[in-house]
Amino acid sequence: MAEEKDNSKLYIGGIILIAVVGVLILKGRETEHLGMQSAPTESTQAAFEAANAKRLATQNIFVE
């Protein structure tokens, strides 16, 4: 009589491996856009300064 090997541990290990690889791929794609955000910082800073100056002007607060 031939004995059958229990492959359930192999299947569970494969599923865990696929899940880990999938998470790593998704995490890599999630952070792709972060490298591109540094380009428009000058215009964002200028817009912030303009809005802050307008806010200060409406509150009659003078900054030296």
C-alpha atoms as a PDB file:
ATOM      1  CA  MET A   1       0.000   0.000   0.000  1.00  0.00           C
ATOM      2  CA  ALA A   2       1.421   3.385  -1.025  1.00  0.00           C
ATOM      3  CA  GLU A   3       1.420   6.103   1.556  1.00  0.00           C
ATOM      4  CA  GLU A   4       0.199   9.545   0.549  1.00  0.00           C
ATOM      5  CA  LYS A   5       2.236  12.549   1.618  1.00  0.00           C
ATOM      6  CA  ASP A   6       0.421  15.296   3.445  1.00  0.00           C
ATOM      7  CA  ASN A   7       0.910  18.356   1.245  1.00  0.00           C
ATOM      8  CA  SER A   8      -1.287  20.706   3.242  1.00  0.00           C
ATOM      9  CA  LYS A   9       1.727  22.441   4.796  1.00  0.00           C
ATOM     10  CA  LEU A  10       3.179  22.967   1.323  1.00  0.00           C
ATOM     11  CA  TYR A  11      -0.076  24.528   0.089  1.00  0.00           C
ATOM     12  CA  ILE A  12      -0.343  26.807   3.117  1.00  0.00           C
ATOM     13  CA  GLY A  13       3.279  27.885   2.692  1.00  0.00           C
ATOM     14  CA  GLY A  14       2.658  28.651  -0.977  1.00  0.00           C
ATOM     15  CA  ILE A  15      -0.401  30.750  -0.161  1.00  0.00           C
ATOM     16  CA  ILE A  16       1.551  32.694   2.473  1.00  0.00           C
ATOM     17  CA  LEU A  17       4.406  33.269   0.031  1.00  0.00           C
ATOM     18  CA  ILE A  18       2.021  34.545  -2.654  1.00  0.00           C
ATOM     19  CA  ALA A  19       0.367  36.871  -0.115  1.00  0.00           C
ATOM     20  CA  VAL A  20       3.714  38.324   1.007  1.00  0.00           C
ATOM     21  CA  VAL A  21       4.876  38.884  -2.570  1.00  0.00           C
ATOM     22  CA  GLY A  22       1.528  40.498  -3.422  1.00  0.00           C
ATOM     23  CA  VAL A  23       1.772  42.882  -0.478  1.00  0.00           C
ATOM     24  CA  LEU A  24       5.315  43.867  -1.440  1.00  0.00           C
ATOM     25  CA  ILE A  25       4.267  44.562  -5.029  1.00  0.00           C
ATOM     26  CA  LEU A  26       1.296  46.658  -3.931  1.00  0.00           C
ATOM     27  CA  LYS A  27       3.406  48.574  -1.404  1.00  0.00           C
ATOM     28  CA  GLY A  28       5.948  49.361  -4.111  1.00  0.00           C
ATOM     29  CA  ARG A  29       3.253  50.709  -6.394  1.00  0.00           C
ATOM     30  CA  GLU A  30       1.753  52.731  -3.563  1.00  0.00           C
ATOM     31  CA  THR A  31       4.961  54.683  -3.012  1.00  0.00           C
ATOM     32  CA  GLU A  32       5.832  55.279  -6.704  1.00  0.00           C
ATOM     33  CA  HIS A  33       4.264  58.739  -6.718  1.00  0.00           C
ATOM     34  CA  LEU A  34       6.231  59.989  -3.703  1.00  0.00           C
ATOM     35  CA  GLY A  35       9.363  60.688  -5.740  1.00  0.00           C
ATOM     36  CA  MET A  36       7.424  62.966  -8.088  1.00  0.00           C
ATOM     37  CA  GLN A  37       6.009  65.260  -5.404  1.00  0.00           C
ATOM     38  CA  SER A  38       9.195  67.257  -4.866  1.00  0.00           C
ATOM     39  CA  ALA A  39       8.930  69.142  -8.186  1.00  0.00           C
ATOM     40  CA  PRO A  40       5.940  71.430  -7.490  1.00  0.00           C
ATOM     41  CA  THR A  41       7.039  72.439  -3.976  1.00  0.00           C
ATOM     42  CA  GLU A  42       8.160  75.917  -5.047  1.00  0.00           C
ATOM     43  CA  SER A  43       4.747  76.786  -6.465  1.00  0.00           C
ATOM     44  CA  THR A  44       3.054  75.275  -3.424  1.00  0.00           C
ATOM     45  CA  GLN A  45       5.260  77.322  -1.107  1.00  0.00           C
ATOM     46  CA  ALA A  46       4.540  80.506  -3.096  1.00  0.00           C
ATOM     47  CA  ALA A  47       0.797  79.835  -2.942  1.00  0.00           C
ATOM     48  CA  PHE A  48       1.009  79.244   0.810  1.00  0.00           C
ATOM     49  CA  GLU A  49       2.924  82.470   1.360  1.00  0.00           C
ATOM     50  CA  ALA A  50       0.416  84.440  -0.724  1.00  0.00           C
ATOM     51  CA  ALA A  51      -2.526  82.967   1.174  1.00  0.00           C
ATOM     52  CA  ASN A  52      -0.810  83.615   4.503  1.00  0.00           C
ATOM     53  CA  ALA A  53      -0.079  87.233   3.549  1.00  0.00           C
ATOM     54  CA  LYS A  54      -3.726  87.700   2.562  1.00  0.00           C
ATOM     55  CA  ARG A  55      -4.861  86.191   5.872  1.00  0.00           C
ATOM     56  CA  LEU A  56      -2.554  88.459   7.843  1.00  0.00           C
ATOM     57  CA  ALA A  57      -3.702  91.505   5.862  1.00  0.00           C
ATOM     58  CA  THR A  58      -7.360  90.825   6.639  1.00  0.00           C
ATOM     59  CA  GLN A  59      -6.590  90.481  10.356  1.00  0.00           C
ATOM     60  CA  ASN A  60      -4.579  93.712  10.500  1.00  0.00           C
ATOM     61  CA  ILE A  61      -1.533  91.829  11.785  1.00  0.00           C
ATOM     62  CA  PHE A  62       1.741  93.369  10.671  1.00  0.00           C
ATOM     63  CA  VAL A  63       4.820  91.170  10.532  1.00  0.00           C
ATOM     64  CA  GLU A  64       8.216  92.834  10.531  1.00  0.00           C
END
